[in-house]
Amino acid sequence: MADKKSLSDLAELTKEEAPAAPAETAEAEAPAEAAPPPPEEAPLREQQLDKFGRAYATGRRKDAIARVWLKPGSGKITVNGREQEVYFARPTLRLVINQPFDIVDRRGQYDIIATVKGGGLSGQAGAVKHGISQALTRYEPALRSTIKQAGFLTRDPRVVERKKYGRAKARKSFQFSKR
């Protein structure tokens, strides 16, 4: 019998609280409507193009700095006025440059004009890759998440350590002679 009494007490409590509940939920829903939309529905970044319809970006790696212009085309890549195959003779360097296109399935759809200064060929290839990745995200903002997950938008901060006084190189000492 005690159980029945407690059940009836619960029923009475819910009846008393029932009218108050809709008013509370209406108040709670009002701020939810003012909240920003979920990230999936948030507007994408805007396309950033110059007056010629090109996307521009700067890429950096080691001591190399690459200025990259990207526009729709046949897939021609020009580095410092020369073809990609001539400037980057090693196949591995050409592979590095084409990685951003391969990851988003856009190979052969864009023409690239790049000017590179500083560093060696490996650093320059990395700088062009970084610049192409940045330019792709400016031309097609929807590709940003794919390129970012691959790690191509992050500038590789590693640089050569400087040589120290009294050392043969950055850390290597001269040969020690006891006598």
C-alpha atoms as a PDB file:
ATOM      1  CA  MET A   1       0.000   0.000   0.000  1.00  0.00           C
ATOM      2  CA  ALA A   2       2.883   2.330   0.692  1.00  0.00           C
ATOM      3  CA  ASP A   3       4.019   1.915  -2.916  1.00  0.00           C
ATOM      4  CA  LYS A   4       0.597   2.958  -4.209  1.00  0.00           C
ATOM      5  CA  LYS A   5       0.657   6.013  -2.016  1.00  0.00           C
ATOM      6  CA  SER A   6       4.042   7.045  -3.338  1.00  0.00           C
ATOM      7  CA  LEU A   7       2.914   6.479  -6.921  1.00  0.00           C
ATOM      8  CA  SER A   8      -0.140   8.651  -6.385  1.00  0.00           C
ATOM      9  CA  ASP A   9       2.070  11.278  -4.777  1.00  0.00           C
ATOM     10  CA  LEU A  10       4.311  11.220  -7.840  1.00  0.00           C
ATOM     11  CA  ALA A  11       1.316  11.578 -10.126  1.00  0.00           C
ATOM     12  CA  GLU A  12       0.122  14.604  -8.145  1.00  0.00           C
ATOM     13  CA  LEU A  13       3.585  16.153  -8.293  1.00  0.00           C
ATOM     14  CA  THR A  14       3.808  15.749 -12.070  1.00  0.00           C
ATOM     15  CA  LYS A  15       0.350  17.262 -12.509  1.00  0.00           C
ATOM     16  CA  GLU A  16       1.363  20.278 -10.478  1.00  0.00           C
ATOM     17  CA  GLU A  17       4.655  20.718 -12.376  1.00  0.00           C
ATOM     18  CA  ALA A  18       3.225  20.015 -15.842  1.00  0.00           C
ATOM     19  CA  PRO A  19       1.938  23.566 -16.528  1.00  0.00           C
ATOM     20  CA  ALA A  20       5.214  25.115 -15.395  1.00  0.00           C
ATOM     21  CA  ALA A  21       7.336  22.871 -17.628  1.00  0.00           C
ATOM     22  CA  PRO A  22       6.269  24.293 -21.027  1.00  0.00           C
ATOM     23  CA  ALA A  23       7.028  27.844 -19.893  1.00  0.00           C
ATOM     24  CA  GLU A  24      10.498  26.812 -18.782  1.00  0.00           C
ATOM     25  CA  THR A  25      11.226  25.012 -22.041  1.00  0.00           C
ATOM     26  CA  ALA A  26      10.066  28.000 -24.080  1.00  0.00           C
ATOM     27  CA  GLU A  27      12.494  30.198 -22.172  1.00  0.00           C
ATOM     28  CA  ALA A  28      15.283  27.656 -22.623  1.00  0.00           C
ATOM     29  CA  GLU A  29      14.652  27.395 -26.390  1.00  0.00           C
ATOM     30  CA  ALA A  30      14.782  31.142 -27.000  1.00  0.00           C
ATOM     31  CA  PRO A  31      18.565  31.470 -26.407  1.00  0.00           C
ATOM     32  CA  ALA A  32      19.158  28.307 -28.456  1.00  0.00           C
ATOM     33  CA  GLU A  33      17.663  30.016 -31.527  1.00  0.00           C
ATOM     34  CA  ALA A  34      20.052  32.964 -31.107  1.00  0.00           C
ATOM     35  CA  ALA A  35      23.089  30.645 -30.936  1.00  0.00           C
ATOM     36  CA  PRO A  36      25.283  30.373 -34.065  1.00  0.00           C
ATOM     37  CA  PRO A  37      24.503  27.515 -36.468  1.00  0.00           C
ATOM     38  CA  PRO A  38      26.425  24.237 -36.111  1.00  0.00           C
ATOM     39  CA  PRO A  39      29.846  24.112 -37.804  1.00  0.00           C
ATOM     40  CA  GLU A  40      28.474  21.964 -40.654  1.00  0.00           C
ATOM     41  CA  GLU A  41      26.057  24.709 -41.678  1.00  0.00           C
ATOM     42  CA  ALA A  42      28.522  27.544 -41.092  1.00  0.00           C
ATOM     43  CA  PRO A  43      29.403  29.445 -44.278  1.00  0.00           C
ATOM     44  CA  LEU A  44      32.603  28.410 -46.003  1.00  0.00           C
ATOM     45  CA  ARG A  45      35.568  30.701 -46.418  1.00  0.00           C
ATOM     46  CA  GLU A  46      35.406  33.039 -49.353  1.00  0.00           C
ATOM     47  CA  GLN A  47      37.361  32.519 -52.540  1.00  0.00           C
ATOM     48  CA  GLN A  48      40.359  34.878 -52.683  1.00  0.00           C
ATOM     49  CA  LEU A  49      41.298  35.801 -56.251  1.00  0.00           C
ATOM     50  CA  ASP A  50      43.238  38.670 -57.819  1.00  0.00           C
ATOM     51  CA  LYS A  51      41.979  40.766 -60.753  1.00  0.00           C
ATOM     52  CA  PHE A  52      43.255  38.138 -63.213  1.00  0.00           C
ATOM     53  CA  GLY A  53      41.252  35.321 -61.575  1.00  0.00           C
ATOM     54  CA  ARG A  54      44.299  33.727 -59.938  1.00  0.00           C
ATOM     55  CA  ALA A  55      44.814  32.576 -56.360  1.00  0.00           C
ATOM     56  CA  TYR A  56      48.096  33.744 -54.799  1.00  0.00           C
ATOM     57  CA  ALA A  57      49.950  32.217 -51.866  1.00  0.00           C
ATOM     58  CA  THR A  58      53.399  32.166 -50.317  1.00  0.00           C
ATOM     59  CA  GLY A  59      55.066  28.903 -49.338  1.00  0.00           C
ATOM     60  CA  ARG A  60      58.084  28.474 -47.089  1.00  0.00           C
ATOM     61  CA  ARG A  61      60.422  25.597 -46.257  1.00  0.00           C
ATOM     62  CA  LYS A  62      63.900  25.801 -44.698  1.00  0.00           C
ATOM     63  CA  ASP A  63      65.452  28.938 -46.234  1.00  0.00           C
ATOM     64  CA  ALA A  64      63.354  28.815 -49.426  1.00  0.00           C
ATOM     65  CA  ILE A  65      60.429  31.132 -50.142  1.00  0.00           C
ATOM     66  CA  ALA A  66      58.048  30.442 -53.030  1.00  0.00           C
ATOM     67  CA  ARG A  67      55.473  32.818 -54.486  1.00  0.00           C
ATOM     68  CA  VAL A  68      52.756  30.772 -56.184  1.00  0.00           C
ATOM     69  CA  TRP A  69      49.943  31.806 -58.551  1.00  0.00           C
ATOM     70  CA  LEU A  70      47.267  29.209 -59.349  1.00  0.00           C
ATOM     71  CA  LYS A  71      44.675  29.448 -62.141  1.00  0.00           C
ATOM     72  CA  PRO A  72      42.523  26.933 -64.025  1.00  0.00           C
ATOM     73  CA  GLY A  73      44.343  25.346 -66.941  1.00  0.00           C
ATOM     74  CA  SER A  74      45.936  22.195 -68.315  1.00  0.00           C
ATOM     75  CA  GLY A  75      48.266  21.315 -65.427  1.00  0.00           C
ATOM     76  CA  LYS A  76      51.362  23.202 -66.576  1.00  0.00           C
ATOM     77  CA  ILE A  77      53.762  24.023 -63.724  1.00  0.00           C
ATOM     78  CA  THR A  78      56.361  26.740 -64.322  1.00  0.00           C
ATOM     79  CA  VAL A  79      59.075  27.437 -61.731  1.00  0.00           C
ATOM     80  CA  ASN A  80      61.293  30.507 -62.199  1.00  0.00           C
ATOM     81  CA  GLY A  81      60.347  30.657 -65.893  1.00  0.00           C
ATOM     82  CA  ARG A  82      61.283  27.025 -66.574  1.00  0.00           C
ATOM     83  CA  GLU A  83      59.207  23.867 -66.844  1.00  0.00           C
ATOM     84  CA  GLN A  84      58.815  21.716 -63.740  1.00  0.00           C
ATOM     85  CA  GLU A  85      60.770  18.827 -65.336  1.00  0.00           C
ATOM     86  CA  VAL A  86      63.710  21.110 -66.141  1.00  0.00           C
ATOM     87  CA  TYR A  87      63.897  22.998 -62.833  1.00  0.00           C
ATOM     88  CA  PHE A  88      63.253  19.966 -60.591  1.00  0.00           C
ATOM     89  CA  ALA A  89      65.098  17.223 -62.473  1.00  0.00           C
ATOM     90  CA  ARG A  90      64.754  14.631 -59.686  1.00  0.00           C
ATOM     91  CA  PRO A  91      61.455  12.682 -59.861  1.00  0.00           C
ATOM     92  CA  THR A  92      61.111  12.780 -56.061  1.00  0.00           C
ATOM     93  CA  LEU A  93      61.002  16.578 -56.085  1.00  0.00           C
ATOM     94  CA  ARG A  94      58.323  16.583 -58.785  1.00  0.00           C
ATOM     95  CA  LEU A  95      56.380  14.053 -56.720  1.00  0.00           C
ATOM     96  CA  VAL A  96      56.544  16.398 -53.722  1.00  0.00           C
ATOM     97  CA  ILE A  97      55.187  19.301 -55.766  1.00  0.00           C
ATOM     98  CA  ASN A  98      52.238  17.298 -57.117  1.00  0.00           C
ATOM     99  CA  GLN A  99      51.149  15.871 -53.729  1.00  0.00           C
ATOM    100  CA  PRO A 100      48.507  18.573 -53.025  1.00  0.00           C
ATOM    101  CA  PHE A 101      46.848  17.912 -56.399  1.00  0.00           C
ATOM    102  CA  ASP A 102      46.899  14.144 -55.916  1.00  0.00           C
ATOM    103  CA  ILE A 103      45.289  14.288 -52.475  1.00  0.00           C
ATOM    104  CA  VAL A 104      42.289  16.304 -53.748  1.00  0.00           C
ATOM    105  CA  ASP A 105      42.100  14.666 -57.226  1.00  0.00           C
ATOM    106  CA  ARG A 106      42.798  17.903 -59.121  1.00  0.00           C
ATOM    107  CA  ARG A 107      45.897  16.865 -61.079  1.00  0.00           C
ATOM    108  CA  GLY A 108      46.054  18.496 -64.498  1.00  0.00           C
ATOM    109  CA  GLN A 109      43.286  21.015 -63.750  1.00  0.00           C
ATOM    110  CA  TYR A 110      45.354  24.031 -62.693  1.00  0.00           C
ATOM    111  CA  ASP A 111      48.307  25.938 -64.105  1.00  0.00           C
ATOM    112  CA  ILE A 112      50.971  27.002 -61.607  1.00  0.00           C
ATOM    113  CA  ILE A 113      53.433  29.852 -61.933  1.00  0.00           C
ATOM    114  CA  ALA A 114      55.974  29.939 -59.104  1.00  0.00           C
ATOM    115  CA  THR A 115      59.030  32.016 -58.302  1.00  0.00           C
ATOM    116  CA  VAL A 116      61.387  30.558 -55.726  1.00  0.00           C
ATOM    117  CA  LYS A 117      64.331  32.106 -53.884  1.00  0.00           C
ATOM    118  CA  GLY A 118      66.775  30.786 -51.319  1.00  0.00           C
ATOM    119  CA  GLY A 119      67.688  27.360 -50.042  1.00  0.00           C
ATOM    120  CA  GLY A 120      68.433  24.242 -52.039  1.00  0.00           C
ATOM    121  CA  LEU A 121      66.273  22.254 -54.423  1.00  0.00           C
ATOM    122  CA  SER A 122      64.675  20.137 -51.690  1.00  0.00           C
ATOM    123  CA  GLY A 123      63.686  23.182 -49.665  1.00  0.00           C
ATOM    124  CA  GLN A 124      62.422  24.927 -52.781  1.00  0.00           C
ATOM    125  CA  ALA A 125      60.255  21.939 -53.703  1.00  0.00           C
ATOM    126  CA  GLY A 126      58.807  21.943 -50.181  1.00  0.00           C
ATOM    127  CA  ALA A 127      58.152  25.687 -50.417  1.00  0.00           C
ATOM    128  CA  VAL A 128      56.351  25.281 -53.760  1.00  0.00           C
ATOM    129  CA  LYS A 129      54.267  22.436 -52.276  1.00  0.00           C
ATOM    130  CA  HIS A 130      53.309  24.638 -49.312  1.00  0.00           C
ATOM    131  CA  GLY A 131      52.432  27.512 -51.649  1.00  0.00           C
ATOM    132  CA  ILE A 132      50.332  25.297 -53.944  1.00  0.00           C
ATOM    133  CA  SER A 133      48.425  23.955 -50.932  1.00  0.00           C
ATOM    134  CA  GLN A 134      47.710  27.474 -49.667  1.00  0.00           C
ATOM    135  CA  ALA A 135      46.655  28.664 -53.142  1.00  0.00           C
ATOM    136  CA  LEU A 136      44.345  25.663 -53.637  1.00  0.00           C
ATOM    137  CA  THR A 137      42.513  26.462 -50.397  1.00  0.00           C
ATOM    138  CA  ARG A 138      42.111  30.072 -51.528  1.00  0.00           C
ATOM    139  CA  TYR A 139      40.769  29.045 -54.944  1.00  0.00           C
ATOM    140  CA  GLU A 140      38.551  26.212 -53.639  1.00  0.00           C
ATOM    141  CA  PRO A 141      37.836  26.788 -49.920  1.00  0.00           C
ATOM    142  CA  ALA A 142      35.913  23.488 -49.703  1.00  0.00           C
ATOM    143  CA  LEU A 143      39.207  21.590 -50.118  1.00  0.00           C
ATOM    144  CA  ARG A 144      40.753  23.145 -47.001  1.00  0.00           C
ATOM    145  CA  SER A 145      39.828  20.343 -44.580  1.00  0.00           C
ATOM    146  CA  THR A 146      41.264  17.625 -46.848  1.00  0.00           C
ATOM    147  CA  ILE A 147      44.519  19.502 -47.426  1.00  0.00           C
ATOM    148  CA  LYS A 148      44.818  20.431 -43.744  1.00  0.00           C
ATOM    149  CA  GLN A 149      44.326  16.814 -42.623  1.00  0.00           C
ATOM    150  CA  ALA A 150      47.174  15.798 -44.923  1.00  0.00           C
ATOM    151  CA  GLY A 151      49.360  18.372 -43.123  1.00  0.00           C
ATOM    152  CA  PHE A 152      50.179  20.445 -46.207  1.00  0.00           C
ATOM    153  CA  LEU A 153      49.029  23.792 -44.785  1.00  0.00           C
ATOM    154  CA  THR A 154      51.426  23.670 -41.846  1.00  0.00           C
ATOM    155  CA  ARG A 155      54.763  25.350 -42.447  1.00  0.00           C
ATOM    156  CA  ASP A 156      57.580  22.987 -41.540  1.00  0.00           C
ATOM    157  CA  PRO A 157      59.570  25.038 -38.983  1.00  0.00           C
ATOM    158  CA  ARG A 158      62.728  22.930 -39.113  1.00  0.00           C
ATOM    159  CA  VAL A 159      65.769  24.846 -40.294  1.00  0.00           C
ATOM    160  CA  VAL A 160      69.493  24.145 -40.288  1.00  0.00           C
ATOM    161  CA  GLU A 161      71.175  24.880 -36.963  1.00  0.00           C
ATOM    162  CA  ARG A 162      73.823  27.585 -37.109  1.00  0.00           C
ATOM    163  CA  LYS A 163      77.529  26.845 -36.790  1.00  0.00           C
ATOM    164  CA  LYS A 164      79.035  27.726 -33.409  1.00  0.00           C
ATOM    165  CA  TYR A 165      82.368  29.325 -32.663  1.00  0.00           C
ATOM    166  CA  GLY A 166      85.050  26.782 -31.708  1.00  0.00           C
ATOM    167  CA  ARG A 167      83.234  23.917 -33.408  1.00  0.00           C
ATOM    168  CA  ALA A 168      83.715  22.221 -36.773  1.00  0.00           C
ATOM    169  CA  LYS A 169      79.975  22.421 -37.534  1.00  0.00           C
ATOM    170  CA  ALA A 170      76.878  23.175 -35.456  1.00  0.00           C
ATOM    171  CA  ARG A 171      77.677  20.489 -32.869  1.00  0.00           C
ATOM    172  CA  LYS A 172      80.672  18.537 -34.172  1.00  0.00           C
ATOM    173  CA  SER A 173      83.965  19.276 -32.391  1.00  0.00           C
ATOM    174  CA  PHE A 174      87.421  19.288 -33.861  1.00  0.00           C
ATOM    175  CA  GLN A 175      89.442  16.116 -33.351  1.00  0.00           C
ATOM    176  CA  PHE A 176      90.796  15.909 -29.823  1.00  0.00           C
ATOM    177  CA  SER A 177      94.503  15.286 -29.264  1.00  0.00           C
ATOM    178  CA  LYS A 178      95.734  14.572 -25.772  1.00  0.00           C
ATOM    179  CA  ARG A 179      99.400  15.343 -26.668  1.00  0.00           C
END
